[in-house]
């Protein structure tokens, strides 16, 4: 049984959408070997079952971004652990410095990402930090 299958079974009441497996991995995995195993299985899953050609052709980028986005919902210790074990993982807007923004900045960046794209949101955060 793969690690992904075990994670799916760990939270059976969660929505079946695969994204919830990533949340379960982020909140439960602490062993670096298991974290890397999950990452490798997740990339393989995206390569084979991604919902677009773009995802299937560049699964690492989507895995990095998806995990990076989700670690933003957890504490600094959890986020740092994932970014240390898998150095390519970072938040799609805040990058490696997830916890240096205020809630207001995060909200404004989220609005910008939704209306003008991730790059504009990153620019806003960069200016806010200076």
N, C-alpha and C. Protein backbone atom coordinates (compact mmCIF):
# COMPACT_ATOMS: atom_id res chain seq x y z
N UNK A 1 0.85 -1.18 0.00
CA UNK A 1 0.00 0.00 0.00
C UNK A 1 0.90 1.24 0.00
N UNK A 2 0.59 2.19 -0.86
CA UNK A 2 1.39 3.41 -0.95
C UNK A 2 1.09 4.33 0.23
N UNK A 3 1.99 5.26 0.46
CA UNK A 3 1.79 6.24 1.53
C UNK A 3 0.54 7.08 1.25
N UNK A 4 0.31 7.41 0.00
CA UNK A 4 -0.89 8.18 -0.35
C UNK A 4 -2.15 7.41 0.03
N UNK A 5 -2.19 6.12 -0.24
CA UNK A 5 -3.36 5.32 0.14
C UNK A 5 -3.55 5.31 1.66
N UNK A 6 -2.44 5.21 2.40
CA UNK A 6 -2.53 5.23 3.86
C UNK A 6 -3.08 6.58 4.35
N UNK A 7 -2.64 7.66 3.73
CA UNK A 7 -3.12 8.98 4.13
C UNK A 7 -4.59 9.16 3.80
N UNK A 8 -5.03 8.61 2.67
CA UNK A 8 -6.45 8.67 2.32
C UNK A 8 -7.29 7.95 3.37
N UNK A 9 -6.79 6.82 3.86
CA UNK A 9 -7.51 6.05 4.87
C UNK A 9 -7.46 6.72 6.25
N UNK A 10 -6.43 7.53 6.50
CA UNK A 10 -6.29 8.17 7.80
C UNK A 10 -7.39 9.19 8.09
N UNK A 11 -7.91 9.81 7.06
CA UNK A 11 -8.96 10.83 7.23
C UNK A 11 -10.12 10.50 6.29
N UNK A 12 -10.82 9.40 6.52
CA UNK A 12 -11.86 8.96 5.58
C UNK A 12 -13.05 9.91 5.48
N UNK A 13 -13.27 10.75 6.47
CA UNK A 13 -14.42 11.65 6.41
C UNK A 13 -14.14 12.91 5.63
N UNK A 14 -12.88 13.13 5.28
CA UNK A 14 -12.55 14.29 4.46
C UNK A 14 -13.09 14.09 3.06
N UNK A 15 -13.30 15.20 2.39
CA UNK A 15 -13.75 15.16 1.01
C UNK A 15 -12.81 14.28 0.20
N UNK A 16 -13.33 13.61 -0.79
CA UNK A 16 -12.55 12.69 -1.61
C UNK A 16 -11.55 13.42 -2.50
N UNK A 17 -11.71 14.73 -2.68
CA UNK A 17 -10.81 15.49 -3.54
C UNK A 17 -9.38 15.26 -3.07
N UNK A 18 -8.48 15.02 -4.02
CA UNK A 18 -7.10 14.64 -3.71
C UNK A 18 -6.38 15.70 -2.88
N UNK A 19 -6.77 16.94 -3.00
CA UNK A 19 -6.14 18.01 -2.23
C UNK A 19 -6.14 17.69 -0.74
N UNK A 20 -7.16 17.03 -0.26
CA UNK A 20 -7.23 16.71 1.16
C UNK A 20 -6.16 15.72 1.59
N UNK A 21 -5.68 14.90 0.66
CA UNK A 21 -4.56 14.01 0.98
C UNK A 21 -3.33 14.85 1.27
N UNK A 22 -3.16 15.93 0.52
CA UNK A 22 -2.01 16.81 0.76
C UNK A 22 -2.14 17.46 2.14
N UNK A 23 -3.32 17.95 2.49
CA UNK A 23 -3.52 18.51 3.84
C UNK A 23 -3.19 17.47 4.90
N UNK A 24 -3.65 16.24 4.71
CA UNK A 24 -3.38 15.18 5.68
C UNK A 24 -1.88 14.92 5.79
N UNK A 25 -1.19 14.90 4.66
CA UNK A 25 0.27 14.70 4.68
C UNK A 25 0.95 15.82 5.45
N UNK A 26 0.59 17.05 5.15
CA UNK A 26 1.22 18.20 5.80
C UNK A 26 1.01 18.16 7.31
N UNK A 27 -0.18 17.79 7.74
CA UNK A 27 -0.46 17.84 9.18
C UNK A 27 -0.01 16.60 9.94
N UNK A 28 0.27 15.50 9.26
CA UNK A 28 0.61 14.28 10.00
C UNK A 28 2.04 13.79 9.80
N UNK A 29 2.65 14.07 8.67
CA UNK A 29 3.99 13.52 8.42
C UNK A 29 5.05 14.42 9.06
N UNK A 30 5.94 13.80 9.83
CA UNK A 30 7.05 14.53 10.44
C UNK A 30 8.39 13.88 10.13
N UNK A 31 8.38 12.64 9.72
CA UNK A 31 9.60 11.92 9.39
C UNK A 31 10.07 12.33 7.99
N UNK A 32 11.30 12.84 7.85
CA UNK A 32 11.78 13.30 6.55
C UNK A 32 11.70 12.24 5.44
N UNK A 33 11.96 10.99 5.78
CA UNK A 33 11.88 9.93 4.77
C UNK A 33 10.46 9.79 4.25
N UNK A 34 9.48 9.80 5.16
CA UNK A 34 8.08 9.71 4.73
C UNK A 34 7.64 10.95 3.97
N UNK A 35 8.14 12.10 4.37
CA UNK A 35 7.78 13.34 3.67
C UNK A 35 8.29 13.30 2.23
N UNK A 36 9.53 12.85 2.05
CA UNK A 36 10.08 12.74 0.69
C UNK A 36 9.34 11.67 -0.10
N UNK A 37 8.99 10.57 0.55
CA UNK A 37 8.22 9.51 -0.12
C UNK A 37 6.87 10.06 -0.58
N UNK A 38 6.20 10.80 0.30
CA UNK A 38 4.92 11.39 -0.09
C UNK A 38 5.11 12.32 -1.29
N UNK A 39 6.13 13.17 -1.22
CA UNK A 39 6.39 14.11 -2.32
C UNK A 39 6.59 13.36 -3.63
N UNK A 40 7.41 12.32 -3.62
CA UNK A 40 7.66 11.54 -4.83
C UNK A 40 6.38 10.89 -5.36
N UNK A 41 5.57 10.34 -4.45
CA UNK A 41 4.31 9.72 -4.87
C UNK A 41 3.33 10.77 -5.40
N UNK A 42 3.32 11.92 -4.77
CA UNK A 42 2.43 13.00 -5.21
C UNK A 42 2.81 13.49 -6.61
N UNK A 43 4.11 13.67 -6.83
CA UNK A 43 4.58 14.08 -8.17
C UNK A 43 4.19 13.03 -9.20
N UNK A 44 4.40 11.76 -8.88
CA UNK A 44 4.02 10.67 -9.81
C UNK A 44 2.52 10.68 -10.07
N UNK A 45 1.73 10.93 -9.02
CA UNK A 45 0.28 11.00 -9.18
C UNK A 45 -0.11 12.14 -10.12
N UNK A 46 0.49 13.32 -9.92
CA UNK A 46 0.17 14.46 -10.77
C UNK A 46 0.61 14.21 -12.22
N UNK A 47 1.74 13.55 -12.37
CA UNK A 47 2.23 13.27 -13.73
C UNK A 47 1.27 12.35 -14.48
N UNK A 48 0.68 11.42 -13.79
CA UNK A 48 -0.22 10.47 -14.43
C UNK A 48 -1.67 10.94 -14.43
N UNK A 49 -2.12 11.59 -13.36
CA UNK A 49 -3.54 11.90 -13.21
C UNK A 49 -3.85 13.39 -13.12
N UNK A 50 -2.86 14.25 -13.38
CA UNK A 50 -3.10 15.69 -13.29
C UNK A 50 -4.28 16.11 -14.16
N UNK A 51 -4.98 17.16 -13.74
CA UNK A 51 -6.22 17.53 -14.43
C UNK A 51 -6.01 18.39 -15.68
N UNK A 52 -4.76 18.61 -16.08
CA UNK A 52 -4.49 19.34 -17.32
C UNK A 52 -3.13 18.92 -17.86
N UNK A 53 -2.90 19.21 -19.14
CA UNK A 53 -1.59 18.92 -19.73
C UNK A 53 -0.49 19.66 -18.99
N UNK A 54 -0.78 20.89 -18.59
CA UNK A 54 0.21 21.71 -17.88
C UNK A 54 0.65 21.02 -16.59
N UNK A 55 -0.28 20.48 -15.84
CA UNK A 55 0.05 19.78 -14.59
C UNK A 55 0.83 18.51 -14.90
N UNK A 56 0.38 17.73 -15.86
CA UNK A 56 1.04 16.46 -16.18
C UNK A 56 2.45 16.68 -16.73
N UNK A 57 2.69 17.80 -17.40
CA UNK A 57 4.00 18.07 -17.98
C UNK A 57 4.99 18.68 -16.98
N UNK A 58 4.49 19.27 -15.92
CA UNK A 58 5.36 19.88 -14.92
C UNK A 58 4.84 19.59 -13.51
N UNK A 59 4.77 18.31 -13.16
CA UNK A 59 4.16 17.95 -11.87
C UNK A 59 4.93 18.45 -10.66
N UNK A 60 6.25 18.57 -10.76
CA UNK A 60 7.04 19.04 -9.63
C UNK A 60 6.64 20.46 -9.24
N UNK A 61 6.48 21.32 -10.25
CA UNK A 61 6.11 22.70 -9.98
C UNK A 61 4.76 22.79 -9.27
N UNK A 62 3.81 21.99 -9.72
CA UNK A 62 2.48 22.01 -9.09
C UNK A 62 2.52 21.40 -7.70
N UNK A 63 3.30 20.35 -7.51
CA UNK A 63 3.44 19.76 -6.17
C UNK A 63 4.06 20.77 -5.21
N UNK A 64 5.13 21.45 -5.66
CA UNK A 64 5.79 22.45 -4.82
C UNK A 64 4.82 23.56 -4.42
N UNK A 65 4.07 24.04 -5.39
CA UNK A 65 3.13 25.13 -5.14
C UNK A 65 1.96 24.69 -4.26
N UNK A 66 1.41 23.50 -4.53
CA UNK A 66 0.28 23.01 -3.73
C UNK A 66 0.67 22.77 -2.28
N UNK A 67 1.79 22.09 -2.08
CA UNK A 67 2.25 21.85 -0.71
C UNK A 67 2.59 23.19 -0.05
N UNK A 68 3.26 24.06 -0.80
CA UNK A 68 3.61 25.38 -0.27
C UNK A 68 2.40 26.18 0.15
N UNK A 69 1.36 26.13 -0.64
CA UNK A 69 0.12 26.83 -0.30
C UNK A 69 -0.47 26.26 0.99
N UNK A 70 -0.50 24.95 1.09
CA UNK A 70 -1.14 24.31 2.23
C UNK A 70 -0.37 24.49 3.53
N UNK A 71 0.96 24.55 3.45
CA UNK A 71 1.72 24.75 4.70
C UNK A 71 1.46 26.14 5.29
N UNK A 72 0.94 27.05 4.48
CA UNK A 72 0.58 28.36 4.98
C UNK A 72 -0.57 28.33 5.97
N UNK A 73 -1.31 27.24 6.00
CA UNK A 73 -2.43 27.09 6.95
C UNK A 73 -1.97 26.52 8.30
N UNK A 74 -0.71 26.12 8.38
CA UNK A 74 -0.22 25.47 9.59
C UNK A 74 0.79 26.37 10.30
N UNK A 75 1.32 25.91 11.40
CA UNK A 75 2.26 26.71 12.17
C UNK A 75 3.63 26.78 11.50
N UNK A 76 4.45 27.68 12.01
CA UNK A 76 5.78 27.92 11.44
C UNK A 76 6.63 26.66 11.49
N UNK A 77 6.54 25.92 12.57
CA UNK A 77 7.33 24.69 12.70
C UNK A 77 7.00 23.70 11.58
N UNK A 78 5.72 23.52 11.30
CA UNK A 78 5.30 22.60 10.24
C UNK A 78 5.77 23.10 8.89
N UNK A 79 5.55 24.39 8.63
CA UNK A 79 5.96 24.96 7.34
C UNK A 79 7.47 24.85 7.15
N UNK A 80 8.23 25.21 8.17
CA UNK A 80 9.69 25.14 8.07
C UNK A 80 10.17 23.71 7.84
N UNK A 81 9.53 22.75 8.52
CA UNK A 81 9.93 21.35 8.36
C UNK A 81 9.78 20.93 6.89
N UNK A 82 8.63 21.23 6.29
CA UNK A 82 8.41 20.85 4.89
C UNK A 82 9.38 21.56 3.95
N UNK A 83 9.64 22.84 4.20
CA UNK A 83 10.54 23.58 3.31
C UNK A 83 11.99 23.15 3.49
N UNK A 84 12.35 22.64 4.66
CA UNK A 84 13.71 22.14 4.87
C UNK A 84 13.89 20.76 4.25
N UNK A 85 12.91 19.90 4.42
CA UNK A 85 13.02 18.53 3.89
C UNK A 85 12.91 18.53 2.37
N UNK A 86 12.04 19.38 1.83
CA UNK A 86 11.87 19.47 0.37
C UNK A 86 12.13 20.93 -0.01
N UNK A 87 13.39 21.27 -0.26
CA UNK A 87 13.77 22.67 -0.47
C UNK A 87 13.05 23.37 -1.62
N UNK A 88 12.52 22.63 -2.57
CA UNK A 88 11.82 23.26 -3.70
C UNK A 88 10.41 23.72 -3.32
N UNK A 89 9.92 23.33 -2.16
CA UNK A 89 8.58 23.73 -1.70
C UNK A 89 8.64 25.15 -1.14
N UNK A 90 7.71 25.98 -1.60
CA UNK A 90 7.53 27.32 -1.02
C UNK A 90 6.11 27.78 -1.32
N UNK A 91 5.64 28.72 -0.54
CA UNK A 91 4.30 29.27 -0.75
C UNK A 91 4.28 30.01 -2.09
N UNK A 92 3.22 29.87 -2.88
CA UNK A 92 3.20 30.50 -4.20
C UNK A 92 3.23 32.03 -4.17
N UNK A 93 2.83 32.65 -3.08
CA UNK A 93 2.87 34.11 -2.99
C UNK A 93 3.95 34.58 -2.02
N UNK A 94 3.99 34.01 -0.82
CA UNK A 94 4.90 34.47 0.22
C UNK A 94 6.28 33.83 0.14
N UNK A 95 6.44 32.86 -0.73
CA UNK A 95 7.69 32.14 -0.93
C UNK A 95 8.12 31.45 0.36
N UNK A 96 9.38 31.59 0.77
CA UNK A 96 9.88 30.89 1.96
C UNK A 96 9.58 31.65 3.26
N UNK A 97 9.13 32.89 3.14
CA UNK A 97 8.93 33.75 4.30
C UNK A 97 7.44 33.91 4.59
N UNK A 98 6.78 32.80 4.84
CA UNK A 98 5.32 32.76 4.98
C UNK A 98 4.81 33.62 6.14
N UNK A 99 5.53 33.67 7.22
CA UNK A 99 5.00 34.26 8.44
C UNK A 99 5.46 35.69 8.69
N UNK A 100 5.97 36.35 7.65
CA UNK A 100 6.41 37.74 7.82
C UNK A 100 5.35 38.75 7.40
N UNK A 101 4.19 38.28 6.98
CA UNK A 101 3.14 39.19 6.52
C UNK A 101 2.03 39.29 7.56
N UNK A 102 1.37 40.42 7.56
CA UNK A 102 0.23 40.61 8.46
C UNK A 102 -1.00 39.94 7.85
N UNK A 103 -2.01 39.68 8.66
CA UNK A 103 -3.25 39.15 8.09
C UNK A 103 -3.83 40.06 7.00
N UNK A 104 -3.73 41.36 7.19
CA UNK A 104 -4.24 42.30 6.18
C UNK A 104 -3.46 42.17 4.87
N UNK A 105 -2.14 42.07 4.96
CA UNK A 105 -1.33 41.89 3.75
C UNK A 105 -1.67 40.58 3.06
N UNK A 106 -1.84 39.53 3.84
CA UNK A 106 -2.19 38.23 3.26
C UNK A 106 -3.54 38.31 2.55
N UNK A 107 -4.51 38.96 3.18
CA UNK A 107 -5.83 39.12 2.57
C UNK A 107 -5.73 39.91 1.26
N UNK A 108 -5.01 41.03 1.30
CA UNK A 108 -4.86 41.85 0.09
C UNK A 108 -4.13 41.10 -1.01
N UNK A 109 -3.12 40.34 -0.64
CA UNK A 109 -2.39 39.54 -1.64
C UNK A 109 -3.30 38.49 -2.25
N UNK A 110 -4.14 37.87 -1.42
CA UNK A 110 -5.09 36.88 -1.94
C UNK A 110 -6.07 37.49 -2.92
N UNK A 111 -6.56 38.69 -2.60
CA UNK A 111 -7.47 39.38 -3.53
C UNK A 111 -6.76 39.68 -4.85
N UNK A 112 -5.53 40.17 -4.76
CA UNK A 112 -4.76 40.45 -5.98
C UNK A 112 -4.52 39.19 -6.80
N UNK A 113 -4.19 38.11 -6.13
CA UNK A 113 -3.95 36.85 -6.84
C UNK A 113 -5.20 36.43 -7.60
N UNK A 114 -6.36 36.63 -6.99
CA UNK A 114 -7.61 36.24 -7.63
C UNK A 114 -8.01 37.12 -8.79
N UNK A 115 -7.63 38.39 -8.73
CA UNK A 115 -8.05 39.32 -9.79
C UNK A 115 -6.97 39.61 -10.82
N UNK A 116 -5.71 39.65 -10.37
CA UNK A 116 -4.63 40.06 -11.28
C UNK A 116 -3.53 39.02 -11.44
N UNK A 117 -3.60 37.95 -10.68
CA UNK A 117 -2.62 36.89 -10.82
C UNK A 117 -1.60 36.84 -9.70
N UNK A 118 -0.96 35.70 -9.61
CA UNK A 118 0.00 35.44 -8.53
C UNK A 118 1.19 36.39 -8.57
N UNK A 119 1.65 36.71 -9.77
CA UNK A 119 2.83 37.59 -9.88
C UNK A 119 2.55 38.96 -9.27
N UNK A 120 1.37 39.51 -9.52
CA UNK A 120 1.00 40.81 -8.93
C UNK A 120 0.92 40.70 -7.41
N UNK A 121 0.42 39.59 -6.92
CA UNK A 121 0.34 39.38 -5.47
C UNK A 121 1.74 39.31 -4.87
N UNK A 122 2.66 38.62 -5.55
CA UNK A 122 4.05 38.56 -5.07
C UNK A 122 4.68 39.95 -5.03
N UNK A 123 4.44 40.73 -6.09
CA UNK A 123 4.98 42.10 -6.14
C UNK A 123 4.46 42.93 -4.98
N UNK A 124 3.17 42.81 -4.69
CA UNK A 124 2.57 43.53 -3.57
C UNK A 124 3.26 43.15 -2.26
N UNK A 125 3.45 41.86 -2.04
CA UNK A 125 4.10 41.40 -0.80
C UNK A 125 5.54 41.89 -0.74
N UNK A 126 6.24 41.83 -1.85
CA UNK A 126 7.64 42.30 -1.88
C UNK A 126 7.71 43.77 -1.49
N UNK A 127 6.82 44.59 -2.04
CA UNK A 127 6.80 46.02 -1.70
C UNK A 127 6.43 46.22 -0.23
N UNK A 128 5.53 45.40 0.28
CA UNK A 128 5.11 45.51 1.68
C UNK A 128 6.25 45.20 2.64
N UNK A 129 7.15 44.33 2.22
CA UNK A 129 8.26 43.92 3.09
C UNK A 129 9.38 44.95 3.11
N UNK A 130 9.44 45.79 2.10
CA UNK A 130 10.54 46.78 2.01
C UNK A 130 10.27 48.02 2.80
